[in-house]
Amino acid sequence: MELIIVVIIIAILAAVGLPQFFKAAGKAKEAKAKNNLGEIRRLELAVQSVTGAWSTFVATNTVALAADLDNDMVTDISISFYDVDYQYSVAGAVATATTAGAGLATPLTINLASGVTNW
């Protein structure tokens, strides 16, 4: 009888705690994507200030961007990160993070020139 009561209590705690855990994990993944978009923006601003153009790319899982700003064959600025939760892309002056699976209904975007976001 005591064992049944313990199992019931654990089941109640799990029913209350698991949704909160998944909600917190989702927020952490979203915060990571927002930070990564900020890093992409910083690199793109440096490249655009020198070359006058934004890059165009789509990256899934591993994002690795590097720029040689003064054409001396040495990388001046680079970022690299691994993210299985989002796919990142830059088109024109907009960087986008789209969920790789189920989750966020609308993609996260940041305007590279102005810094305006949709979050």
Protein backbone atom coordinates (compact mmCIF):
# COMPACT_ATOMS: atom_id res chain seq x y z
CA MET A 1 0.00 0.00 0.00
CA GLU A 2 2.81 2.39 0.85
CA LEU A 3 4.51 1.63 -2.44
CA ILE A 4 1.34 2.49 -4.37
CA ILE A 5 1.07 5.81 -2.53
CA VAL A 6 4.72 6.63 -3.33
CA VAL A 7 4.19 5.79 -7.01
CA ILE A 8 1.07 7.98 -7.12
CA ILE A 9 2.93 10.90 -5.53
CA ILE A 10 5.79 10.55 -8.02
CA ALA A 11 3.31 10.43 -10.90
CA ILE A 12 1.62 13.63 -9.67
CA LEU A 13 4.97 15.41 -9.33
CA ALA A 14 5.98 14.29 -12.83
CA ALA A 15 2.67 15.47 -14.30
CA VAL A 16 3.22 18.91 -12.79
CA GLY A 17 6.96 19.22 -13.39
CA LEU A 18 7.51 17.84 -16.88
CA PRO A 19 5.50 20.49 -18.77
CA GLN A 20 7.44 23.21 -16.95
CA PHE A 21 10.71 21.49 -17.83
CA PHE A 22 9.85 21.30 -21.54
CA LYS A 23 8.72 24.93 -21.52
CA ALA A 24 12.02 26.03 -19.96
CA ALA A 25 14.01 23.92 -22.44
CA GLY A 26 12.15 25.54 -25.35
CA LYS A 27 12.89 29.02 -24.03
CA ALA A 28 16.58 28.14 -23.67
CA LYS A 29 16.75 26.94 -27.28
CA GLU A 30 15.05 30.12 -28.46
CA ALA A 31 17.46 32.28 -26.46
CA LYS A 32 20.38 30.40 -28.03
CA ALA A 33 18.98 31.08 -31.53
CA LYS A 34 18.56 34.79 -30.75
CA ASN A 35 22.16 34.98 -29.54
CA ASN A 36 23.38 33.19 -32.67
CA LEU A 37 21.46 35.65 -34.87
CA GLY A 38 23.18 38.49 -33.02
CA GLU A 39 26.57 36.91 -33.73
CA ILE A 40 25.69 36.53 -37.41
CA ARG A 41 24.64 40.19 -37.49
CA ARG A 42 27.94 41.36 -35.97
CA LEU A 43 29.95 39.44 -38.57
CA GLU A 44 27.71 40.58 -41.42
CA LEU A 45 28.00 44.23 -40.34
CA ALA A 46 31.79 43.98 -40.47
CA VAL A 47 31.73 42.34 -43.89
CA GLN A 48 29.15 44.76 -45.28
CA SER A 49 31.08 47.80 -44.05
CA VAL A 50 34.12 46.69 -46.06
CA THR A 51 32.62 44.98 -49.11
CA GLY A 52 29.34 46.88 -49.36
CA ALA A 53 27.32 43.65 -49.70
CA TRP A 54 25.59 41.14 -47.43
CA SER A 55 26.43 37.47 -47.80
CA THR A 56 23.85 34.85 -48.72
CA PHE A 57 23.87 31.43 -47.08
CA VAL A 58 21.75 28.67 -45.60
CA ALA A 59 23.27 26.49 -42.88
CA THR A 60 21.87 23.48 -41.06
CA ASN A 61 23.50 22.07 -37.91
CA THR A 62 26.92 23.74 -38.27
CA VAL A 63 27.27 27.43 -39.05
CA ALA A 64 30.79 28.54 -39.88
CA LEU A 65 31.30 32.03 -41.27
CA ALA A 66 34.65 33.72 -41.78
CA ALA A 67 35.75 36.92 -43.44
CA ASP A 68 39.07 38.32 -44.64
CA LEU A 69 38.25 42.01 -44.46
CA ASP A 70 41.58 43.42 -45.66
CA ASN A 71 42.38 40.79 -48.34
CA ASP A 72 45.64 39.70 -46.69
CA MET A 73 44.69 36.00 -46.85
CA VAL A 74 44.19 35.92 -43.06
CA THR A 75 40.75 35.50 -41.50
CA ASP A 76 39.96 38.70 -39.61
CA ILE A 77 36.63 37.68 -38.11
CA SER A 78 34.86 34.37 -37.81
CA ILE A 79 32.04 32.65 -35.98
CA SER A 80 31.23 28.98 -35.72
CA PHE A 81 28.51 27.18 -33.83
CA TYR A 82 26.60 23.91 -33.87
CA ASP A 83 22.82 23.99 -33.52
CA VAL A 84 20.55 21.05 -34.36
CA ASP A 85 17.42 22.93 -33.30
CA TYR A 86 17.51 25.72 -35.90
CA GLN A 87 18.46 26.31 -39.52
CA TYR A 88 20.10 29.68 -40.14
CA SER A 89 20.06 31.72 -43.33
CA VAL A 90 20.94 35.17 -44.61
CA ALA A 91 19.20 36.65 -47.63
CA GLY A 92 19.66 40.29 -48.44
CA ALA A 93 19.78 42.20 -45.19
CA VAL A 94 17.79 39.69 -43.12
CA ALA A 95 19.10 36.80 -41.05
CA THR A 96 16.60 34.08 -40.14
CA ALA A 97 16.51 31.18 -37.70
CA THR A 98 13.89 28.56 -38.53
CA THR A 99 13.15 25.59 -36.30
CA ALA A 100 14.56 22.34 -37.61
CA GLY A 101 11.63 20.38 -36.19
CA ALA A 102 8.36 21.10 -34.46
CA GLY A 103 8.26 24.10 -32.19
CA LEU A 104 8.32 27.77 -33.04
CA ALA A 105 5.45 28.74 -35.32
CA THR A 106 7.17 31.74 -36.89
CA PRO A 107 10.88 32.01 -37.64
CA LEU A 108 13.09 34.42 -35.72
CA THR A 109 14.43 37.22 -37.91
CA ILE A 110 16.82 40.12 -37.47
CA ASN A 111 17.39 42.94 -39.91
CA LEU A 112 21.16 43.07 -40.32
CA ALA A 113 21.29 46.79 -41.09
CA SER A 114 18.94 48.14 -38.44
CA GLY A 115 18.98 45.39 -35.82
CA VAL A 116 15.17 45.25 -35.79
CA THR A 117 13.90 41.82 -34.69
CA ASN A 118 10.54 40.06 -34.70
CA TRP A 119 10.85 38.74 -31.16
